[in-house]
């Protein structure tokens, strides 16, 4: 039987990227910094704009992001501590060539990028962590 524990990452807006960074180092896939993962994610989204733009809505209008706002969205990923979500997770599966399993307290696990048959990166999603809202941690077997 395999047991898992959460490896806590800081709740500083970079938690998704820090959890992925930890997973990659745990699987001996090299050391990728939070900054390089953010950079790669922004670049991947920009290069595949047509695939991701329909899934990003403008908080002011409720419609799809304009091209200018999409570029700003990607720039925020690159240069700020903007929270990452499902769109960024999808991009990270492509960048890392690994499926990502998201374990959550309510509901079944979600596997993103399941077309990659290599070992999964496993992270946990916490809907109301630290009084700040959403949070991700890395999950490791013991």
N, C-alpha and C. Protein backbone atom coordinates (compact mmCIF):
# COMPACT_ATOMS: atom_id res chain seq x y z
N UNK A 1 0.83 -1.17 0.00
CA UNK A 1 0.00 0.00 0.00
C UNK A 1 0.89 1.24 0.00
N UNK A 2 0.52 2.22 -0.79
CA UNK A 2 1.28 3.46 -0.90
C UNK A 2 0.55 4.55 -0.12
N UNK A 3 1.28 5.29 0.68
CA UNK A 3 0.73 6.40 1.43
C UNK A 3 1.31 7.70 0.88
N UNK A 4 0.52 8.75 0.95
CA UNK A 4 0.93 10.04 0.44
C UNK A 4 0.83 11.09 1.54
N UNK A 5 1.70 12.09 1.44
CA UNK A 5 1.61 13.25 2.32
C UNK A 5 1.73 14.50 1.46
N UNK A 6 1.20 15.60 1.99
CA UNK A 6 1.34 16.89 1.32
C UNK A 6 2.68 17.50 1.69
N UNK A 7 3.38 17.98 0.68
CA UNK A 7 4.58 18.77 0.91
C UNK A 7 4.12 20.22 0.77
N UNK A 8 4.17 20.95 1.88
CA UNK A 8 3.65 22.31 1.91
C UNK A 8 4.55 23.27 1.12
N UNK A 9 3.93 24.05 0.26
CA UNK A 9 4.64 25.11 -0.45
C UNK A 9 4.07 26.44 0.02
N UNK A 10 4.82 27.52 -0.08
CA UNK A 10 4.34 28.81 0.40
C UNK A 10 3.06 29.25 -0.31
N UNK A 11 2.21 29.95 0.44
CA UNK A 11 0.97 30.49 -0.14
C UNK A 11 1.21 31.94 -0.54
N UNK A 12 2.00 32.09 -1.60
CA UNK A 12 2.44 33.42 -2.02
C UNK A 12 2.01 33.77 -3.45
N UNK A 13 1.06 33.03 -4.00
CA UNK A 13 0.64 33.26 -5.39
C UNK A 13 1.40 32.39 -6.37
N UNK A 14 2.50 31.81 -5.92
CA UNK A 14 3.31 30.94 -6.78
C UNK A 14 3.10 29.46 -6.46
N UNK A 15 2.09 29.14 -5.66
CA UNK A 15 1.96 27.77 -5.13
C UNK A 15 1.84 26.71 -6.21
N UNK A 16 1.08 26.98 -7.28
CA UNK A 16 0.97 25.98 -8.35
C UNK A 16 2.34 25.67 -8.93
N UNK A 17 3.09 26.71 -9.24
CA UNK A 17 4.40 26.54 -9.86
C UNK A 17 5.40 25.93 -8.88
N UNK A 18 5.31 26.29 -7.59
CA UNK A 18 6.19 25.70 -6.58
C UNK A 18 5.88 24.22 -6.39
N UNK A 19 4.59 23.85 -6.45
CA UNK A 19 4.22 22.44 -6.32
C UNK A 19 4.76 21.64 -7.50
N UNK A 20 4.67 22.20 -8.70
CA UNK A 20 5.20 21.52 -9.90
C UNK A 20 6.72 21.46 -9.82
N UNK A 21 7.36 22.54 -9.38
CA UNK A 21 8.82 22.54 -9.21
C UNK A 21 9.24 21.40 -8.28
N UNK A 22 8.54 21.25 -7.17
CA UNK A 22 8.86 20.19 -6.21
C UNK A 22 8.64 18.82 -6.83
N UNK A 23 7.55 18.64 -7.55
CA UNK A 23 7.27 17.35 -8.19
C UNK A 23 8.37 16.97 -9.18
N UNK A 24 8.79 17.92 -9.99
CA UNK A 24 9.84 17.65 -10.98
C UNK A 24 11.14 17.24 -10.30
N UNK A 25 11.49 17.92 -9.21
CA UNK A 25 12.73 17.56 -8.50
C UNK A 25 12.58 16.20 -7.82
N UNK A 26 11.39 15.88 -7.32
CA UNK A 26 11.15 14.58 -6.69
C UNK A 26 11.30 13.44 -7.69
N UNK A 27 10.88 13.68 -8.94
CA UNK A 27 10.99 12.66 -9.98
C UNK A 27 12.33 12.70 -10.70
N UNK A 28 13.28 13.47 -10.15
CA UNK A 28 14.62 13.61 -10.75
C UNK A 28 14.56 14.07 -12.20
N UNK A 29 13.67 15.02 -12.46
CA UNK A 29 13.55 15.57 -13.81
C UNK A 29 14.29 16.90 -13.93
N UNK A 30 15.21 17.13 -13.06
CA UNK A 30 15.96 18.38 -13.10
C UNK A 30 15.29 19.44 -12.26
N UNK A 31 15.98 20.50 -12.09
CA UNK A 31 15.51 21.59 -11.24
C UNK A 31 14.98 22.69 -12.14
N UNK A 32 13.69 22.94 -12.11
CA UNK A 32 13.08 24.06 -12.83
C UNK A 32 12.57 25.02 -11.78
N UNK A 33 12.97 26.25 -11.86
CA UNK A 33 12.55 27.24 -10.87
C UNK A 33 11.11 27.68 -11.15
N UNK A 34 10.51 28.27 -10.12
CA UNK A 34 9.18 28.85 -10.29
C UNK A 34 9.20 29.86 -11.43
N UNK A 35 10.25 30.67 -11.47
CA UNK A 35 10.35 31.69 -12.51
C UNK A 35 10.41 31.08 -13.90
N UNK A 36 11.18 30.00 -14.06
CA UNK A 36 11.28 29.39 -15.39
C UNK A 36 9.98 28.70 -15.77
N UNK A 37 9.27 28.12 -14.80
CA UNK A 37 7.97 27.51 -15.08
C UNK A 37 6.95 28.57 -15.48
N UNK A 38 6.99 29.71 -14.81
CA UNK A 38 6.09 30.81 -15.18
C UNK A 38 6.42 31.31 -16.59
N UNK A 39 7.68 31.49 -16.86
CA UNK A 39 8.12 31.94 -18.19
C UNK A 39 7.67 30.96 -19.26
N UNK A 40 7.91 29.68 -19.04
CA UNK A 40 7.52 28.65 -20.01
C UNK A 40 6.01 28.61 -20.21
N UNK A 41 5.26 28.77 -19.12
CA UNK A 41 3.80 28.75 -19.21
C UNK A 41 3.30 29.93 -20.04
N UNK A 42 3.80 31.11 -19.76
CA UNK A 42 3.40 32.29 -20.53
C UNK A 42 3.75 32.12 -22.00
N UNK A 43 4.95 31.66 -22.29
CA UNK A 43 5.36 31.45 -23.68
C UNK A 43 4.50 30.41 -24.38
N UNK A 44 4.17 29.32 -23.67
CA UNK A 44 3.35 28.26 -24.26
C UNK A 44 1.95 28.78 -24.59
N UNK A 45 1.36 29.52 -23.65
CA UNK A 45 0.03 30.07 -23.90
C UNK A 45 0.04 31.03 -25.08
N UNK A 46 1.06 31.87 -25.16
CA UNK A 46 1.16 32.80 -26.29
C UNK A 46 1.31 32.05 -27.61
N UNK A 47 2.09 30.99 -27.61
CA UNK A 47 2.31 30.21 -28.84
C UNK A 47 1.08 29.40 -29.24
N UNK A 48 0.17 29.16 -28.30
CA UNK A 48 -1.03 28.35 -28.56
C UNK A 48 -2.29 29.14 -28.21
N UNK A 49 -2.26 30.41 -28.52
CA UNK A 49 -3.35 31.32 -28.16
C UNK A 49 -4.71 30.80 -28.58
N UNK A 50 -4.83 30.27 -29.78
CA UNK A 50 -6.13 29.81 -30.29
C UNK A 50 -6.71 28.67 -29.45
N UNK A 51 -5.84 27.87 -28.84
CA UNK A 51 -6.30 26.75 -28.02
C UNK A 51 -6.80 27.19 -26.64
N UNK A 52 -6.28 28.30 -26.13
CA UNK A 52 -6.57 28.69 -24.75
C UNK A 52 -7.46 29.92 -24.62
N UNK A 53 -7.41 30.82 -25.56
CA UNK A 53 -8.19 32.06 -25.48
C UNK A 53 -9.68 31.82 -25.23
N UNK A 54 -10.32 30.84 -25.89
CA UNK A 54 -11.76 30.64 -25.64
C UNK A 54 -12.10 30.26 -24.19
N UNK A 55 -11.12 29.86 -23.41
CA UNK A 55 -11.38 29.42 -22.04
C UNK A 55 -11.05 30.49 -21.00
N UNK A 56 -10.69 31.67 -21.47
CA UNK A 56 -10.36 32.77 -20.56
C UNK A 56 -11.37 33.88 -20.76
N UNK A 57 -12.08 34.24 -19.69
CA UNK A 57 -13.10 35.27 -19.82
C UNK A 57 -12.65 36.58 -19.19
N UNK A 58 -13.19 37.63 -19.74
CA UNK A 58 -12.92 38.98 -19.25
C UNK A 58 -13.80 39.22 -18.03
N UNK A 59 -13.19 39.53 -16.90
CA UNK A 59 -13.96 39.72 -15.67
C UNK A 59 -14.89 40.92 -15.74
N UNK A 60 -14.60 41.87 -16.62
CA UNK A 60 -15.44 43.06 -16.75
C UNK A 60 -16.64 42.83 -17.65
N UNK A 61 -16.45 42.11 -18.75
CA UNK A 61 -17.52 41.95 -19.74
C UNK A 61 -18.15 40.56 -19.72
N UNK A 62 -17.45 39.58 -19.20
CA UNK A 62 -17.93 38.20 -19.23
C UNK A 62 -17.65 37.51 -20.55
N UNK A 63 -17.17 38.25 -21.54
CA UNK A 63 -16.83 37.69 -22.84
C UNK A 63 -15.41 37.16 -22.87
N UNK A 64 -15.01 36.66 -24.02
CA UNK A 64 -13.64 36.18 -24.21
C UNK A 64 -12.67 37.35 -24.11
N UNK A 65 -11.50 37.10 -23.58
CA UNK A 65 -10.48 38.15 -23.48
C UNK A 65 -10.15 38.70 -24.86
N UNK A 66 -9.93 40.00 -24.91
CA UNK A 66 -9.42 40.61 -26.14
C UNK A 66 -7.97 40.18 -26.31
N UNK A 67 -7.43 40.39 -27.49
CA UNK A 67 -6.03 40.03 -27.73
C UNK A 67 -5.11 40.79 -26.78
N UNK A 68 -5.37 42.08 -26.58
CA UNK A 68 -4.55 42.88 -25.67
C UNK A 68 -4.61 42.34 -24.24
N UNK A 69 -5.80 41.98 -23.79
CA UNK A 69 -5.94 41.45 -22.42
C UNK A 69 -5.33 40.06 -22.31
N UNK A 70 -5.36 39.28 -23.38
CA UNK A 70 -4.70 37.98 -23.36
C UNK A 70 -3.19 38.16 -23.20
N UNK A 71 -2.60 39.11 -23.95
CA UNK A 71 -1.17 39.37 -23.81
C UNK A 71 -0.84 39.85 -22.39
N UNK A 72 -1.71 40.68 -21.82
CA UNK A 72 -1.51 41.15 -20.44
C UNK A 72 -1.61 39.98 -19.46
N UNK A 73 -2.58 39.08 -19.69
CA UNK A 73 -2.75 37.89 -18.86
C UNK A 73 -1.45 37.07 -18.85
N UNK A 74 -0.89 36.85 -20.02
CA UNK A 74 0.36 36.08 -20.13
C UNK A 74 1.53 36.82 -19.50
N UNK A 75 1.56 38.13 -19.66
CA UNK A 75 2.62 38.92 -19.04
C UNK A 75 2.52 38.86 -17.52
N UNK A 76 1.30 38.85 -17.00
CA UNK A 76 1.12 38.72 -15.55
C UNK A 76 1.62 37.37 -15.05
N UNK A 77 1.38 36.31 -15.82
CA UNK A 77 1.91 34.99 -15.45
C UNK A 77 3.43 35.08 -15.34
N UNK A 78 4.03 35.73 -16.31
CA UNK A 78 5.49 35.81 -16.40
C UNK A 78 6.10 36.67 -15.29
N UNK A 79 5.44 37.78 -14.92
CA UNK A 79 6.12 38.80 -14.11
C UNK A 79 5.52 39.05 -12.73
N UNK A 80 4.39 38.42 -12.42
CA UNK A 80 3.78 38.66 -11.11
C UNK A 80 3.56 37.33 -10.39
N UNK A 81 2.94 37.40 -9.24
CA UNK A 81 2.56 36.19 -8.50
C UNK A 81 1.10 35.83 -8.75
N UNK A 82 0.64 36.09 -9.96
CA UNK A 82 -0.75 35.77 -10.31
C UNK A 82 -1.00 34.28 -10.11
N UNK A 83 -2.13 33.96 -9.51
CA UNK A 83 -2.48 32.57 -9.25
C UNK A 83 -2.64 31.80 -10.54
N UNK A 84 -2.25 30.56 -10.53
CA UNK A 84 -2.46 29.67 -11.67
C UNK A 84 -3.67 28.80 -11.44
N UNK A 85 -4.31 28.39 -12.52
CA UNK A 85 -5.48 27.53 -12.45
C UNK A 85 -5.44 26.46 -13.52
N UNK A 86 -6.62 26.05 -13.96
CA UNK A 86 -6.71 24.92 -14.90
C UNK A 86 -6.01 25.20 -16.23
N UNK A 87 -6.14 26.41 -16.74
CA UNK A 87 -5.47 26.74 -18.02
C UNK A 87 -3.97 26.58 -17.88
N UNK A 88 -3.42 27.08 -16.79
CA UNK A 88 -1.98 26.97 -16.57
C UNK A 88 -1.56 25.52 -16.33
N UNK A 89 -2.40 24.75 -15.64
CA UNK A 89 -2.09 23.33 -15.43
C UNK A 89 -2.05 22.61 -16.77
N UNK A 90 -3.01 22.90 -17.64
CA UNK A 90 -3.02 22.27 -18.97
C UNK A 90 -1.73 22.60 -19.72
N UNK A 91 -1.31 23.86 -19.68
CA UNK A 91 -0.07 24.25 -20.34
C UNK A 91 1.14 23.55 -19.71
N UNK A 92 1.15 23.43 -18.39
CA UNK A 92 2.27 22.77 -17.71
C UNK A 92 2.37 21.29 -18.08
N UNK A 93 1.24 20.62 -18.33
CA UNK A 93 1.32 19.22 -18.76
C UNK A 93 2.03 19.11 -20.09
N UNK A 94 1.80 20.08 -20.96
CA UNK A 94 2.45 20.07 -22.27
C UNK A 94 3.94 20.41 -22.14
N UNK A 95 4.25 21.39 -21.33
CA UNK A 95 5.64 21.83 -21.14
C UNK A 95 6.48 20.71 -20.51
N UNK A 96 5.93 20.06 -19.49
CA UNK A 96 6.68 19.02 -18.76
C UNK A 96 6.53 17.63 -19.37
N UNK A 97 5.63 17.49 -20.34
CA UNK A 97 5.35 16.17 -20.95
C UNK A 97 4.98 15.14 -19.89
N UNK A 98 4.21 15.57 -18.92
CA UNK A 98 3.76 14.73 -17.81
C UNK A 98 2.29 15.02 -17.53
N UNK A 99 1.50 13.98 -17.24
CA UNK A 99 0.16 14.25 -16.75
C UNK A 99 0.25 14.80 -15.33
N UNK A 100 -0.74 15.60 -14.96
CA UNK A 100 -0.79 16.14 -13.61
C UNK A 100 -2.09 15.66 -12.96
N UNK A 101 -1.94 14.98 -11.83
CA UNK A 101 -3.10 14.54 -11.07
C UNK A 101 -3.34 15.54 -9.95
N UNK A 102 -4.58 16.00 -9.85
CA UNK A 102 -4.95 16.97 -8.82
C UNK A 102 -5.87 16.27 -7.83
N UNK A 103 -5.39 16.12 -6.60
CA UNK A 103 -6.17 15.51 -5.53
C UNK A 103 -6.86 16.63 -4.77
N UNK A 104 -8.15 16.42 -4.49
CA UNK A 104 -8.91 17.44 -3.77
C UNK A 104 -9.75 16.78 -2.69
N UNK A 105 -10.16 17.56 -1.70
CA UNK A 105 -10.92 17.00 -0.58
C UNK A 105 -12.30 16.55 -1.00
N UNK A 106 -12.92 17.28 -1.89
CA UNK A 106 -14.27 16.93 -2.34
C UNK A 106 -14.21 16.49 -3.79
N UNK A 107 -14.74 15.34 -4.05
CA UNK A 107 -14.76 14.84 -5.42
C UNK A 107 -13.55 14.00 -5.73
N UNK A 108 -13.62 13.36 -6.89
CA UNK A 108 -12.50 12.49 -7.29
C UNK A 108 -11.30 13.29 -7.75
N UNK A 109 -10.17 12.63 -7.83
CA UNK A 109 -8.97 13.25 -8.41
C UNK A 109 -9.24 13.59 -9.87
N UNK A 110 -8.56 14.60 -10.35
CA UNK A 110 -8.66 15.00 -11.75
C UNK A 110 -7.28 14.81 -12.36
N UNK A 111 -7.23 14.15 -13.51
CA UNK A 111 -5.95 13.99 -14.22
C UNK A 111 -6.02 14.82 -15.48
N UNK A 112 -5.07 15.73 -15.62
CA UNK A 112 -4.97 16.61 -16.78
C UNK A 112 -3.78 16.15 -17.61
N UNK A 113 -3.95 16.10 -18.92
CA UNK A 113 -2.85 15.69 -19.78
C UNK A 113 -2.63 14.20 -19.77
N UNK A 114 -3.71 13.45 -19.68
CA UNK A 114 -3.60 12.00 -19.55
C UNK A 114 -3.05 11.32 -20.81
N UNK A 115 -2.92 12.07 -21.91
CA UNK A 115 -2.33 11.48 -23.12
C UNK A 115 -0.85 11.17 -22.93
N UNK A 116 -0.24 11.82 -21.93
CA UNK A 116 1.16 11.53 -21.59
C UNK A 116 1.17 10.32 -20.67
N UNK A 117 1.78 9.26 -21.09
CA UNK A 117 1.77 8.01 -20.32
C UNK A 117 2.92 7.90 -19.33
N UNK A 118 3.70 8.94 -19.19
CA UNK A 118 4.82 8.91 -18.25
C UNK A 118 4.29 9.08 -16.82
N UNK A 119 5.15 8.91 -15.82
CA UNK A 119 4.70 9.07 -14.43
C UNK A 119 4.05 10.44 -14.20
N UNK A 120 3.01 10.44 -13.39
CA UNK A 120 2.24 11.66 -13.12
C UNK A 120 2.95 12.55 -12.11
N UNK A 121 2.73 13.84 -12.27
CA UNK A 121 3.02 14.79 -11.21
C UNK A 121 1.75 14.84 -10.37
N UNK A 122 1.87 14.82 -9.05
CA UNK A 122 0.69 14.79 -8.19
C UNK A 122 0.71 16.01 -7.28
N UNK A 123 -0.36 16.79 -7.36
CA UNK A 123 -0.50 17.97 -6.52
C UNK A 123 -1.86 17.90 -5.82
N UNK A 124 -2.00 18.66 -4.76
CA UNK A 124 -3.28 18.73 -4.06
C UNK A 124 -3.84 20.14 -4.21
N UNK A 125 -5.16 20.19 -4.30
CA UNK A 125 -5.87 21.46 -4.44
C UNK A 125 -6.68 21.69 -3.16
N UNK A 126 -6.51 22.86 -2.59
CA UNK A 126 -7.20 23.23 -1.35
C UNK A 126 -8.03 24.48 -1.65
N UNK A 127 -9.35 24.31 -1.62
CA UNK A 127 -10.25 25.40 -2.03
C UNK A 127 -10.17 26.62 -1.12
N UNK A 128 -10.07 26.43 0.18
CA UNK A 128 -10.07 27.56 1.12
C UNK A 128 -8.89 27.44 2.07
N UNK A 129 -7.71 27.52 1.55
CA UNK A 129 -6.52 27.35 2.39
C UNK A 129 -6.01 28.70 2.90
N UNK A 130 -5.56 28.70 4.12
CA UNK A 130 -4.89 29.86 4.72
C UNK A 130 -5.75 31.12 4.71
N UNK A 131 -7.06 31.00 4.58
CA UNK A 131 -7.93 32.16 4.56
C UNK A 131 -7.76 33.03 3.33
N UNK A 132 -6.97 32.57 2.38
CA UNK A 132 -6.67 33.37 1.19
C UNK A 132 -7.45 32.91 -0.03
N UNK A 133 -8.00 31.74 0.02
CA UNK A 133 -8.66 31.18 -1.16
C UNK A 133 -7.96 29.91 -1.58
N UNK A 134 -7.82 29.73 -2.86
CA UNK A 134 -7.30 28.49 -3.42
C UNK A 134 -5.79 28.35 -3.19
N UNK A 135 -5.36 27.07 -3.07
CA UNK A 135 -3.94 26.80 -2.83
C UNK A 135 -3.60 25.42 -3.37
N UNK A 136 -2.38 25.26 -3.85
CA UNK A 136 -1.87 23.96 -4.30
C UNK A 136 -0.66 23.58 -3.46
N UNK A 137 -0.51 22.28 -3.21
CA UNK A 137 0.68 21.71 -2.58
C UNK A 137 1.17 20.55 -3.43
N UNK A 138 2.38 20.12 -3.20
CA UNK A 138 2.93 18.93 -3.84
C UNK A 138 2.54 17.72 -2.99
N UNK A 139 2.38 16.57 -3.63
CA UNK A 139 2.02 15.34 -2.92
C UNK A 139 3.12 14.32 -3.19
N UNK A 140 3.64 13.72 -2.11
CA UNK A 140 4.72 12.74 -2.24
C UNK A 140 4.34 11.44 -1.54
N UNK A 141 4.85 10.33 -2.07
CA UNK A 141 4.61 9.04 -1.43
C UNK A 141 5.62 8.83 -0.31
N UNK A 142 5.20 8.10 0.71
CA UNK A 142 6.09 7.82 1.84
C UNK A 142 6.19 6.32 2.05
